[in-house]
Amino acid sequence: MDLKTEYEFILPRGYVDKEGNLHREGVMRLANAKDEIVPLNDLRVQRNRAYLIIVLLSRVISQLGNLKEVNTGVIENLFASDLRFLEEMYNRINEDEATITVACPECGARFEREFGRLGES
């Protein structure tokens, strides 16, 4: 089984750079533990929790059009619909899909149980 770690996307509207160039096609990679931990030390995130997605996306988007770098400044200047699109994509590709087989302690019936995301009960 091959693990897919990069996902291509096309933004609904696109990022317009300072020269007026439109960038719509990009690549997002799977997040690692560091991607989700490091932003918590960012003062912008500590002051405003909503900024977390800006920092996260700037870490996991490896390509956007022909930009040399995707940083928080780029993500901050996306159209709101593109930001929502990327946030949904981030959540979708990083979802935990782990399941385990469990047995009922009373009747012994076996069934699949899906793990939730960290912090969920």
N, C-alpha and C. Protein backbone atom coordinates (compact mmCIF):
# COMPACT_ATOMS: atom_id res chain seq x y z
N MET A 1 0.84 -1.19 0.00
CA MET A 1 0.00 0.00 0.00
C MET A 1 0.88 1.24 0.00
N ASP A 2 0.66 2.15 -0.95
CA ASP A 2 1.39 3.41 -1.01
C ASP A 2 0.64 4.48 -0.24
N LEU A 3 1.37 5.26 0.51
CA LEU A 3 0.80 6.37 1.26
C LEU A 3 0.87 7.62 0.43
N LYS A 4 -0.26 8.21 0.15
CA LYS A 4 -0.30 9.45 -0.60
C LYS A 4 -0.06 10.60 0.36
N THR A 5 0.95 11.42 0.10
CA THR A 5 1.30 12.51 1.02
C THR A 5 1.11 13.89 0.42
N GLU A 6 0.86 13.98 -0.88
CA GLU A 6 0.65 15.28 -1.52
C GLU A 6 -0.64 15.24 -2.34
N TYR A 7 -1.37 16.35 -2.29
CA TYR A 7 -2.66 16.45 -2.96
C TYR A 7 -2.71 17.74 -3.77
N GLU A 8 -3.04 17.62 -5.04
CA GLU A 8 -3.17 18.79 -5.91
C GLU A 8 -4.54 19.42 -5.71
N PHE A 9 -4.61 20.72 -5.94
CA PHE A 9 -5.89 21.43 -5.85
C PHE A 9 -5.92 22.58 -6.85
N ILE A 10 -7.13 23.05 -7.10
CA ILE A 10 -7.35 24.26 -7.90
C ILE A 10 -8.27 25.15 -7.08
N LEU A 11 -7.78 26.33 -6.73
CA LEU A 11 -8.58 27.26 -5.93
C LEU A 11 -9.80 27.73 -6.70
N PRO A 12 -10.93 27.91 -6.03
CA PRO A 12 -12.14 28.39 -6.70
C PRO A 12 -11.94 29.76 -7.36
N ARG A 13 -11.25 30.68 -6.68
CA ARG A 13 -11.02 32.01 -7.24
C ARG A 13 -9.56 32.23 -7.61
N GLY A 14 -8.68 31.94 -6.70
CA GLY A 14 -7.25 32.09 -6.96
C GLY A 14 -6.62 33.24 -6.19
N TYR A 15 -5.33 33.14 -6.00
CA TYR A 15 -4.55 34.18 -5.31
C TYR A 15 -4.01 35.14 -6.35
N VAL A 16 -4.19 36.43 -6.11
CA VAL A 16 -3.67 37.47 -7.01
C VAL A 16 -2.46 38.09 -6.33
N ASP A 17 -1.29 37.96 -6.96
CA ASP A 17 -0.07 38.51 -6.36
C ASP A 17 0.04 40.01 -6.62
N LYS A 18 1.12 40.62 -6.12
CA LYS A 18 1.30 42.08 -6.22
C LYS A 18 1.38 42.57 -7.66
N GLU A 19 1.80 41.71 -8.56
CA GLU A 19 1.90 42.08 -9.98
C GLU A 19 0.59 41.83 -10.74
N GLY A 20 -0.40 41.31 -10.04
CA GLY A 20 -1.69 41.04 -10.68
C GLY A 20 -1.80 39.66 -11.30
N ASN A 21 -0.82 38.79 -11.08
CA ASN A 21 -0.86 37.43 -11.62
C ASN A 21 -1.78 36.56 -10.77
N LEU A 22 -2.54 35.72 -11.44
CA LEU A 22 -3.47 34.83 -10.78
C LEU A 22 -2.83 33.45 -10.60
N HIS A 23 -2.91 32.92 -9.37
CA HIS A 23 -2.36 31.60 -9.05
C HIS A 23 -3.49 30.75 -8.49
N ARG A 24 -3.82 29.66 -9.18
CA ARG A 24 -4.94 28.82 -8.74
C ARG A 24 -4.54 27.39 -8.44
N GLU A 25 -3.55 26.86 -9.14
CA GLU A 25 -3.18 25.46 -8.97
C GLU A 25 -2.11 25.33 -7.90
N GLY A 26 -2.28 24.32 -7.04
CA GLY A 26 -1.31 24.15 -5.98
C GLY A 26 -1.22 22.73 -5.48
N VAL A 27 -0.39 22.55 -4.46
CA VAL A 27 -0.17 21.24 -3.85
C VAL A 27 -0.15 21.43 -2.34
N MET A 28 -0.90 20.57 -1.66
CA MET A 28 -0.89 20.53 -0.20
C MET A 28 -0.38 19.16 0.22
N ARG A 29 0.49 19.15 1.22
CA ARG A 29 1.00 17.88 1.74
C ARG A 29 0.31 17.56 3.06
N LEU A 30 0.38 16.30 3.44
CA LEU A 30 -0.14 15.90 4.74
C LEU A 30 0.61 16.64 5.84
N ALA A 31 -0.09 16.98 6.90
CA ALA A 31 0.53 17.64 8.05
C ALA A 31 1.25 16.61 8.90
N ASN A 32 2.35 17.04 9.51
CA ASN A 32 3.01 16.18 10.49
C ASN A 32 2.80 16.79 11.87
N ALA A 33 3.26 16.11 12.90
CA ALA A 33 3.05 16.58 14.26
C ALA A 33 3.62 17.98 14.47
N LYS A 34 4.79 18.23 13.92
CA LYS A 34 5.43 19.54 14.07
C LYS A 34 4.57 20.65 13.46
N ASP A 35 3.93 20.36 12.32
CA ASP A 35 3.07 21.35 11.67
C ASP A 35 1.93 21.79 12.59
N GLU A 36 1.45 20.90 13.42
CA GLU A 36 0.33 21.24 14.30
C GLU A 36 0.77 21.77 15.65
N ILE A 37 2.03 21.53 16.03
CA ILE A 37 2.52 21.99 17.33
C ILE A 37 3.18 23.36 17.24
N VAL A 38 4.05 23.57 16.27
CA VAL A 38 4.81 24.81 16.15
C VAL A 38 3.92 26.06 16.12
N PRO A 39 2.82 26.06 15.37
CA PRO A 39 1.98 27.27 15.34
C PRO A 39 1.44 27.69 16.70
N LEU A 40 1.33 26.76 17.64
CA LEU A 40 0.80 27.11 18.96
C LEU A 40 1.72 28.04 19.72
N ASN A 41 3.01 28.10 19.32
CA ASN A 41 3.97 29.02 19.93
C ASN A 41 4.01 30.37 19.23
N ASP A 42 3.33 30.49 18.11
CA ASP A 42 3.29 31.74 17.35
C ASP A 42 2.45 32.77 18.11
N LEU A 43 3.01 33.95 18.35
CA LEU A 43 2.29 34.99 19.09
C LEU A 43 0.98 35.39 18.42
N ARG A 44 0.94 35.36 17.08
CA ARG A 44 -0.29 35.72 16.38
C ARG A 44 -1.40 34.72 16.70
N VAL A 45 -1.05 33.45 16.83
CA VAL A 45 -2.02 32.41 17.17
C VAL A 45 -2.43 32.55 18.63
N GLN A 46 -1.47 32.85 19.49
CA GLN A 46 -1.78 33.01 20.91
C GLN A 46 -2.72 34.18 21.16
N ARG A 47 -2.57 35.24 20.36
CA ARG A 47 -3.45 36.41 20.49
C ARG A 47 -4.81 36.19 19.87
N ASN A 48 -4.84 35.39 18.80
CA ASN A 48 -6.08 35.18 18.06
C ASN A 48 -6.09 33.75 17.52
N ARG A 49 -6.81 32.87 18.17
CA ARG A 49 -6.83 31.44 17.82
C ARG A 49 -7.26 31.21 16.36
N ALA A 50 -8.04 32.13 15.81
CA ALA A 50 -8.48 31.99 14.41
C ALA A 50 -7.30 32.06 13.44
N TYR A 51 -6.18 32.59 13.88
CA TYR A 51 -5.00 32.71 13.02
C TYR A 51 -4.29 31.36 12.83
N LEU A 52 -4.67 30.37 13.63
CA LEU A 52 -4.03 29.05 13.55
C LEU A 52 -4.09 28.47 12.14
N ILE A 53 -5.22 28.55 11.48
CA ILE A 53 -5.34 27.97 10.14
C ILE A 53 -4.43 28.68 9.14
N ILE A 54 -4.19 29.98 9.34
CA ILE A 54 -3.29 30.73 8.45
C ILE A 54 -1.88 30.14 8.54
N VAL A 55 -1.41 29.94 9.77
CA VAL A 55 -0.06 29.41 9.96
C VAL A 55 0.01 27.95 9.49
N LEU A 56 -1.00 27.16 9.81
CA LEU A 56 -1.01 25.76 9.37
C LEU A 56 -0.93 25.65 7.85
N LEU A 57 -1.77 26.39 7.17
CA LEU A 57 -1.79 26.30 5.70
C LEU A 57 -0.47 26.77 5.10
N SER A 58 0.14 27.79 5.69
CA SER A 58 1.42 28.27 5.16
C SER A 58 2.51 27.21 5.30
N ARG A 59 2.34 26.30 6.24
CA ARG A 59 3.32 25.23 6.45
C ARG A 59 3.09 24.04 5.51
N VAL A 60 1.84 23.74 5.17
CA VAL A 60 1.56 22.51 4.41
C VAL A 60 1.31 22.73 2.92
N ILE A 61 1.10 23.96 2.50
CA ILE A 61 0.95 24.20 1.06
C ILE A 61 2.35 24.37 0.49
N SER A 62 2.76 23.41 -0.29
CA SER A 62 4.13 23.40 -0.82
C SER A 62 4.25 24.12 -2.16
N GLN A 63 3.11 24.36 -2.79
CA GLN A 63 3.16 25.02 -4.10
C GLN A 63 1.85 25.74 -4.35
N LEU A 64 1.95 26.93 -4.91
CA LEU A 64 0.77 27.67 -5.37
C LEU A 64 1.17 28.44 -6.60
N GLY A 65 0.65 27.98 -7.73
CA GLY A 65 1.02 28.60 -9.00
C GLY A 65 2.53 28.57 -9.17
N ASN A 66 3.10 29.70 -9.60
CA ASN A 66 4.56 29.75 -9.75
C ASN A 66 5.21 30.64 -8.68
N LEU A 67 4.54 30.77 -7.54
CA LEU A 67 5.13 31.51 -6.43
C LEU A 67 6.37 30.78 -5.92
N LYS A 68 7.37 31.54 -5.52
CA LYS A 68 8.58 30.94 -4.97
C LYS A 68 8.35 30.40 -3.57
N GLU A 69 7.42 31.03 -2.83
CA GLU A 69 7.18 30.66 -1.44
C GLU A 69 5.71 30.91 -1.10
N VAL A 70 5.15 30.01 -0.30
CA VAL A 70 3.81 30.22 0.24
C VAL A 70 4.00 30.48 1.73
N ASN A 71 3.77 31.73 2.14
CA ASN A 71 3.95 32.10 3.54
C ASN A 71 2.64 32.65 4.11
N THR A 72 2.67 33.08 5.35
CA THR A 72 1.44 33.58 5.97
C THR A 72 0.89 34.80 5.24
N GLY A 73 1.75 35.62 4.66
CA GLY A 73 1.29 36.78 3.90
C GLY A 73 0.43 36.38 2.70
N VAL A 74 0.82 35.30 2.04
CA VAL A 74 0.03 34.79 0.91
C VAL A 74 -1.32 34.30 1.41
N ILE A 75 -1.30 33.47 2.45
CA ILE A 75 -2.55 32.90 2.97
C ILE A 75 -3.48 34.00 3.48
N GLU A 76 -2.93 35.01 4.14
CA GLU A 76 -3.74 36.13 4.65
C GLU A 76 -4.47 36.86 3.53
N ASN A 77 -3.90 36.87 2.34
CA ASN A 77 -4.47 37.62 1.23
C ASN A 77 -5.29 36.78 0.26
N LEU A 78 -5.58 35.54 0.64
CA LEU A 78 -6.50 34.73 -0.17
C LEU A 78 -7.91 35.28 -0.04
N PHE A 79 -8.71 35.08 -1.04
CA PHE A 79 -10.14 35.38 -0.92
C PHE A 79 -10.74 34.44 0.13
N ALA A 80 -11.76 34.89 0.82
CA ALA A 80 -12.36 34.11 1.91
C ALA A 80 -12.83 32.73 1.41
N SER A 81 -13.39 32.67 0.22
CA SER A 81 -13.86 31.38 -0.30
C SER A 81 -12.70 30.41 -0.54
N ASP A 82 -11.55 30.92 -0.95
CA ASP A 82 -10.38 30.07 -1.15
C ASP A 82 -9.82 29.59 0.19
N LEU A 83 -9.84 30.46 1.20
CA LEU A 83 -9.39 30.07 2.53
C LEU A 83 -10.27 28.95 3.08
N ARG A 84 -11.59 29.09 2.93
CA ARG A 84 -12.51 28.04 3.39
C ARG A 84 -12.27 26.74 2.64
N PHE A 85 -12.04 26.83 1.33
CA PHE A 85 -11.76 25.66 0.51
C PHE A 85 -10.52 24.93 1.02
N LEU A 86 -9.45 25.68 1.29
CA LEU A 86 -8.20 25.06 1.74
C LEU A 86 -8.31 24.51 3.16
N GLU A 87 -9.06 25.18 4.01
CA GLU A 87 -9.27 24.68 5.36
C GLU A 87 -10.03 23.35 5.33
N GLU A 88 -11.04 23.28 4.49
CA GLU A 88 -11.80 22.03 4.35
C GLU A 88 -10.91 20.93 3.77
N MET A 89 -10.10 21.26 2.80
CA MET A 89 -9.19 20.28 2.20
C MET A 89 -8.20 19.79 3.26
N TYR A 90 -7.64 20.70 4.05
CA TYR A 90 -6.70 20.33 5.11
C TYR A 90 -7.36 19.33 6.06
N ASN A 91 -8.57 19.65 6.50
CA ASN A 91 -9.29 18.75 7.42
C ASN A 91 -9.56 17.40 6.78
N ARG A 92 -9.96 17.41 5.52
CA ARG A 92 -10.32 16.17 4.83
C ARG A 92 -9.10 15.25 4.65
N ILE A 93 -7.96 15.80 4.22
CA ILE A 93 -6.81 14.93 3.94
C ILE A 93 -6.09 14.50 5.21
N ASN A 94 -6.29 15.23 6.30
CA ASN A 94 -5.61 14.89 7.55
C ASN A 94 -6.51 14.16 8.55
N GLU A 95 -7.71 13.81 8.14
CA GLU A 95 -8.62 13.08 9.03
C GLU A 95 -8.03 11.74 9.41
N ASP A 96 -8.26 11.36 10.63
CA ASP A 96 -7.85 10.04 11.11
C ASP A 96 -8.87 9.03 10.61
N GLU A 97 -8.39 7.99 9.98
CA GLU A 97 -9.27 6.95 9.47
C GLU A 97 -9.00 5.62 10.16
N ALA A 98 -8.35 5.68 11.31
CA ALA A 98 -7.99 4.44 12.01
C ALA A 98 -9.22 3.79 12.61
N THR A 99 -9.35 2.50 12.40
CA THR A 99 -10.42 1.73 13.02
C THR A 99 -9.80 0.52 13.71
N ILE A 100 -10.48 0.05 14.74
CA ILE A 100 -10.05 -1.15 15.44
C ILE A 100 -11.24 -2.06 15.58
N THR A 101 -10.97 -3.33 15.75
CA THR A 101 -12.03 -4.30 16.02
C THR A 101 -12.16 -4.43 17.53
N VAL A 102 -13.37 -4.25 18.02
CA VAL A 102 -13.62 -4.38 19.46
C VAL A 102 -14.70 -5.43 19.67
N ALA A 103 -14.74 -5.94 20.89
CA ALA A 103 -15.74 -6.95 21.25
C ALA A 103 -16.58 -6.44 22.40
N CYS A 104 -17.87 -6.66 22.33
CA CYS A 104 -18.78 -6.29 23.40
C CYS A 104 -18.45 -7.15 24.62
N PRO A 105 -18.22 -6.54 25.79
CA PRO A 105 -17.88 -7.34 26.97
C PRO A 105 -19.04 -8.21 27.47
N GLU A 106 -20.26 -7.90 27.08
CA GLU A 106 -21.41 -8.68 27.55
C GLU A 106 -21.76 -9.85 26.64
N CYS A 107 -21.88 -9.56 25.32
CA CYS A 107 -22.32 -10.62 24.42
C CYS A 107 -21.20 -11.18 23.55
N GLY A 108 -20.06 -10.51 23.52
CA GLY A 108 -18.94 -10.99 22.72
C GLY A 108 -19.01 -10.61 21.25
N ALA A 109 -20.06 -9.90 20.83
CA ALA A 109 -20.18 -9.49 19.44
C ALA A 109 -19.00 -8.60 19.06
N ARG A 110 -18.46 -8.80 17.85
CA ARG A 110 -17.31 -8.02 17.39
C ARG A 110 -17.78 -7.01 16.36
N PHE A 111 -17.21 -5.81 16.41
CA PHE A 111 -17.54 -4.77 15.45
C PHE A 111 -16.38 -3.80 15.31
N GLU A 112 -16.42 -3.01 14.24
CA GLU A 112 -15.39 -2.01 13.97
C GLU A 112 -15.73 -0.72 14.69
N ARG A 113 -14.73 -0.13 15.31
CA ARG A 113 -14.91 1.15 16.00
C ARG A 113 -13.88 2.11 15.46
N GLU A 114 -14.32 3.30 15.05
CA GLU A 114 -13.43 4.31 14.49
C GLU A 114 -12.88 5.20 15.59
N PHE A 115 -11.56 5.43 15.55
CA PHE A 115 -10.95 6.37 16.48
C PHE A 115 -11.37 7.77 16.09
N GLY A 116 -11.63 8.64 17.06
CA GLY A 116 -11.89 10.05 16.80
C GLY A 116 -10.59 10.81 16.74
N ARG A 117 -10.68 12.10 16.44
CA ARG A 117 -9.50 12.96 16.46
C ARG A 117 -9.09 13.21 17.89
N LEU A 118 -7.85 13.55 18.10
CA LEU A 118 -7.34 13.83 19.43
C LEU A 118 -8.20 14.89 20.12
N GLY A 119 -8.53 14.64 21.36
CA GLY A 119 -9.31 15.59 22.13
C GLY A 119 -10.80 15.37 22.04
N GLU A 120 -11.26 14.53 21.12
CA GLU A 120 -12.69 14.24 21.02
C GLU A 120 -13.01 13.03 21.87
N SER A 121 -14.23 12.99 22.37
CA SER A 121 -14.61 11.82 23.16
C SER A 121 -15.61 10.97 22.40
